[in-house]
Protein backbone atom coordinates (compact mmCIF):
# COMPACT_ATOMS: atom_id res chain seq x y z
CA UNK A 1 109.08 119.88 70.45
CA UNK A 2 110.00 120.31 74.12
CA UNK A 3 106.36 119.70 75.14
CA UNK A 4 106.28 116.36 73.25
CA UNK A 5 109.57 115.32 74.88
CA UNK A 6 108.15 116.07 78.36
CA UNK A 7 105.02 114.03 77.56
CA UNK A 8 107.16 111.07 76.49
CA UNK A 9 109.32 111.27 79.63
CA UNK A 10 106.21 111.55 81.85
CA UNK A 11 104.65 108.54 80.10
CA UNK A 12 107.80 106.50 80.65
CA UNK A 13 107.88 107.42 84.35
CA UNK A 14 104.22 106.51 84.82
CA UNK A 15 104.65 103.18 82.99
CA UNK A 16 107.73 102.39 85.10
CA UNK A 17 105.84 103.05 88.33
CA UNK A 18 102.86 100.96 87.23
CA UNK A 19 105.11 98.12 86.04
CA UNK A 20 107.02 98.13 89.33
CA UNK A 21 103.77 98.09 91.30
CA UNK A 22 102.43 95.20 89.20
CA UNK A 23 105.69 93.26 89.62
CA UNK A 24 105.61 93.72 93.42
CA UNK A 25 101.95 92.64 93.57
CA UNK A 26 102.74 89.44 91.66
CA UNK A 27 106.01 88.59 93.42
CA UNK A 28 105.19 89.62 97.00
CA UNK A 29 101.39 89.46 97.36
CA UNK A 30 101.26 85.78 98.18
CA UNK A 31 104.68 85.44 99.83
CA UNK A 32 103.04 84.42 103.14
CA UNK A 33 100.39 82.19 101.59
CA UNK A 34 100.67 78.47 102.10
CA UNK A 35 98.72 77.24 99.05
CA UNK A 36 98.65 73.67 100.35
CA UNK A 37 96.62 74.87 103.37
CA UNK A 38 93.82 76.53 101.37
CA UNK A 39 90.56 74.87 102.39
CA UNK A 40 91.97 73.46 105.64
CA UNK A 41 90.08 73.99 108.90
CA UNK A 42 91.71 76.67 111.07
CA UNK A 43 88.99 77.24 113.67
CA UNK A 44 85.44 76.34 114.62
CA UNK A 45 82.59 77.97 116.51
CA UNK A 46 79.36 76.25 117.55
CA UNK A 47 80.20 73.39 115.21
CA UNK A 48 80.69 75.62 112.14
CA UNK A 49 84.16 75.40 110.63
CA UNK A 50 86.43 78.26 109.54
CA UNK A 51 88.66 77.54 106.54
CA UNK A 52 92.03 78.96 105.52
CA UNK A 53 91.84 81.04 102.34
CA UNK A 54 95.38 82.34 101.90
CA UNK A 55 95.35 85.69 100.12
CA UNK A 56 92.20 87.72 100.80
CA UNK A 57 91.37 87.81 97.08
CA UNK A 58 91.65 84.05 96.58
CA UNK A 59 88.47 82.18 95.57
CA UNK A 60 88.07 78.39 95.36
CA UNK A 61 84.71 78.35 93.58
CA UNK A 62 81.19 78.83 94.90
CA UNK A 63 79.76 76.98 97.89
CA UNK A 64 76.11 75.99 97.49
CA UNK A 65 74.05 74.13 100.08
CA UNK A 66 72.40 70.80 99.16
CA UNK A 67 69.08 72.60 98.73
CA UNK A 68 70.62 75.05 96.23
CA UNK A 69 71.00 78.01 98.62
CA UNK A 70 74.00 80.18 97.72
CA UNK A 71 76.47 80.24 100.61
CA UNK A 72 79.05 82.33 98.77
CA UNK A 73 82.54 82.17 97.36
CA UNK A 74 84.92 79.73 99.07
CA UNK A 75 86.56 80.72 101.46
CA UNK A 76 85.63 84.38 101.69
CA UNK A 77 84.33 86.02 104.88
CA UNK A 78 80.77 86.23 103.50
CA UNK A 79 80.72 82.48 102.86
CA UNK A 80 81.52 81.80 106.52
CA UNK A 81 78.83 84.03 108.02
CA UNK A 82 76.15 82.81 105.62
CA UNK A 83 77.16 79.18 106.22
CA UNK A 84 77.20 79.87 109.97
CA UNK A 85 73.64 81.26 109.96
CA UNK A 86 72.46 78.50 107.62
CA UNK A 87 73.95 75.64 109.68
CA UNK A 88 73.27 77.10 113.15
CA UNK A 89 69.85 78.71 112.60
CA UNK A 90 68.65 77.27 109.26
CA UNK A 91 68.54 80.91 108.13
CA UNK A 92 68.43 81.77 104.43
CA UNK A 93 68.91 85.38 103.45
CA UNK A 94 66.39 86.64 100.87
CA UNK A 95 69.31 88.27 99.03
CA UNK A 96 72.06 85.66 99.12
CA UNK A 97 74.56 87.77 97.14
CA UNK A 98 76.64 90.88 97.76
CA UNK A 99 79.94 91.94 99.24
CA UNK A 100 80.50 92.09 103.00
CA UNK A 101 79.77 95.81 103.32
CA UNK A 102 76.46 95.29 101.45
CA UNK A 103 75.14 93.39 104.48
CA UNK A 104 74.63 96.69 106.30
CA UNK A 105 72.12 99.27 105.04
CA UNK A 106 72.78 102.64 106.65
CA UNK A 107 69.28 103.86 105.76
CA UNK A 108 67.65 101.28 108.06
CA UNK A 109 66.75 102.59 111.51
CA UNK A 110 68.65 101.09 114.44
CA UNK A 111 66.96 97.90 115.67
CA UNK A 112 64.79 97.52 112.56
CA UNK A 113 64.56 94.67 110.06
CA UNK A 114 67.04 94.54 107.20
CA UNK A 115 64.75 92.91 104.59
CA UNK A 116 67.58 91.85 102.24
CA UNK A 117 69.05 89.70 105.03
CA UNK A 118 65.86 89.07 107.08
CA UNK A 119 67.82 90.04 110.19
CA UNK A 120 67.53 92.83 112.74
CA UNK A 121 70.13 95.51 112.14
CA UNK A 122 71.88 97.64 114.77
CA UNK A 123 74.15 100.61 114.13
CA UNK A 124 77.50 100.87 115.86
CA UNK A 125 76.53 103.14 118.73
CA UNK A 126 73.22 101.42 119.51
CA UNK A 127 71.23 101.23 122.72
CA UNK A 128 71.20 97.46 122.08
CA UNK A 129 74.33 95.65 123.22
CA UNK A 130 76.02 93.27 120.74
CA UNK A 131 75.43 89.56 121.41
CA UNK A 132 77.16 86.29 120.67
CA UNK A 133 76.10 85.05 117.19
CA UNK A 134 75.59 88.58 115.80
CA UNK A 135 77.14 89.32 112.41
CA UNK A 136 79.50 92.29 112.66
CA UNK A 137 79.87 94.34 109.46
CA UNK A 138 83.02 96.37 108.86
CA UNK A 139 83.67 98.84 106.06
CA UNK A 140 87.44 98.25 106.04
CA UNK A 141 87.92 98.20 102.29
CA UNK A 142 86.18 98.38 98.93
CA UNK A 143 84.35 95.13 99.75
CA UNK A 144 84.19 95.31 103.54
CA UNK A 145 84.46 92.45 106.00
CA UNK A 146 82.02 90.38 108.07
CA UNK A 147 82.51 88.09 111.04
CA UNK A 148 80.58 86.42 113.84
CA UNK A 149 80.68 87.82 117.36
CA UNK A 150 81.90 84.88 119.45
CA UNK A 151 82.17 86.48 122.90
CA UNK A 152 80.81 89.60 124.61
CA UNK A 153 81.73 91.19 127.95
CA UNK A 154 81.01 94.68 129.22
CA UNK A 155 84.40 95.84 127.92
CA UNK A 156 85.20 93.76 124.82
CA UNK A 157 83.88 91.65 122.01
CA UNK A 158 85.66 88.77 120.32
CA UNK A 159 85.01 87.91 116.69
CA UNK A 160 85.63 84.77 114.69
CA UNK A 161 86.38 85.36 111.03
CA UNK A 162 87.27 83.65 107.80
CA UNK A 163 89.67 85.19 105.28
CA UNK A 164 91.40 87.78 107.47
CA UNK A 165 94.60 87.38 105.44
CA UNK A 166 97.30 84.74 105.09
CA UNK A 167 98.92 85.31 108.49
CA UNK A 168 96.13 86.93 110.53
CA UNK A 169 94.26 85.07 113.26
CA UNK A 170 90.71 83.79 112.89
CA UNK A 171 89.98 85.52 116.22
CA UNK A 172 90.23 89.21 117.11
CA UNK A 173 89.15 91.27 120.10
CA UNK A 174 87.82 94.84 120.03
CA UNK A 175 87.00 97.20 122.90
CA UNK A 176 83.31 97.68 123.68
CA UNK A 177 82.36 101.04 125.16
CA UNK A 178 79.12 101.93 126.93
CA UNK A 179 78.56 105.69 127.12
CA UNK A 180 75.44 107.85 127.28
CA UNK A 181 73.22 104.79 126.90
CA UNK A 182 74.92 103.57 123.69
CA UNK A 183 77.13 100.56 122.99
CA UNK A 184 80.00 101.24 120.59
CA UNK A 185 82.50 98.72 119.24
CA UNK A 186 85.72 100.72 119.21
CA UNK A 187 87.35 99.43 116.04
CA UNK A 188 88.08 100.85 112.60
CA UNK A 189 84.98 101.33 110.42
CA UNK A 190 82.52 99.11 112.31
CA UNK A 191 79.20 99.80 110.57
CA UNK A 192 77.06 97.72 112.89
CA UNK A 193 75.74 94.23 113.51
CA UNK A 194 72.91 91.95 112.41
CA UNK A 195 70.92 89.49 114.48
CA UNK A 196 68.40 86.71 114.01
CA UNK A 197 65.01 87.88 115.28
């Protein structure tokens, strides 16, 4: 009898915690999102526009090029980098699907071709220095994040990104370290970068 009572109390506690979490997610998740701005231009690089997406999980449908090439879900980070490479370089990735972290394949040797993206791939900590127009791949979350490297010095890189969150900037700067013949982008969970060959 006492064991059943403890199970009931534990179940009530767990349901209360889950309900409170769900309530907070619904009430507070989009508190900084300006829904009227979704789809508005917030930045641009080399003539390719960056759009406001609001909450990082928001999707406004799929963006497809006039020739049918899948650019991705509006206005996610993947959509921006694929649209950037398509508009700037007329580059179509053989595999036009996948989450941001799927753009990097850890099994591919540094400086070798990533066949799913038809791009050269470099690990973070490569003898090859990052360049402007490279796609940086970050394993920040379950889905990851991708951006375009917009500036490179000997000490820093700047990225331009779409969908960094409702109040985050479309630009961010990370330290770049050269040590023992290797270039390392000193930021959380940088997997590496991809480049048009």
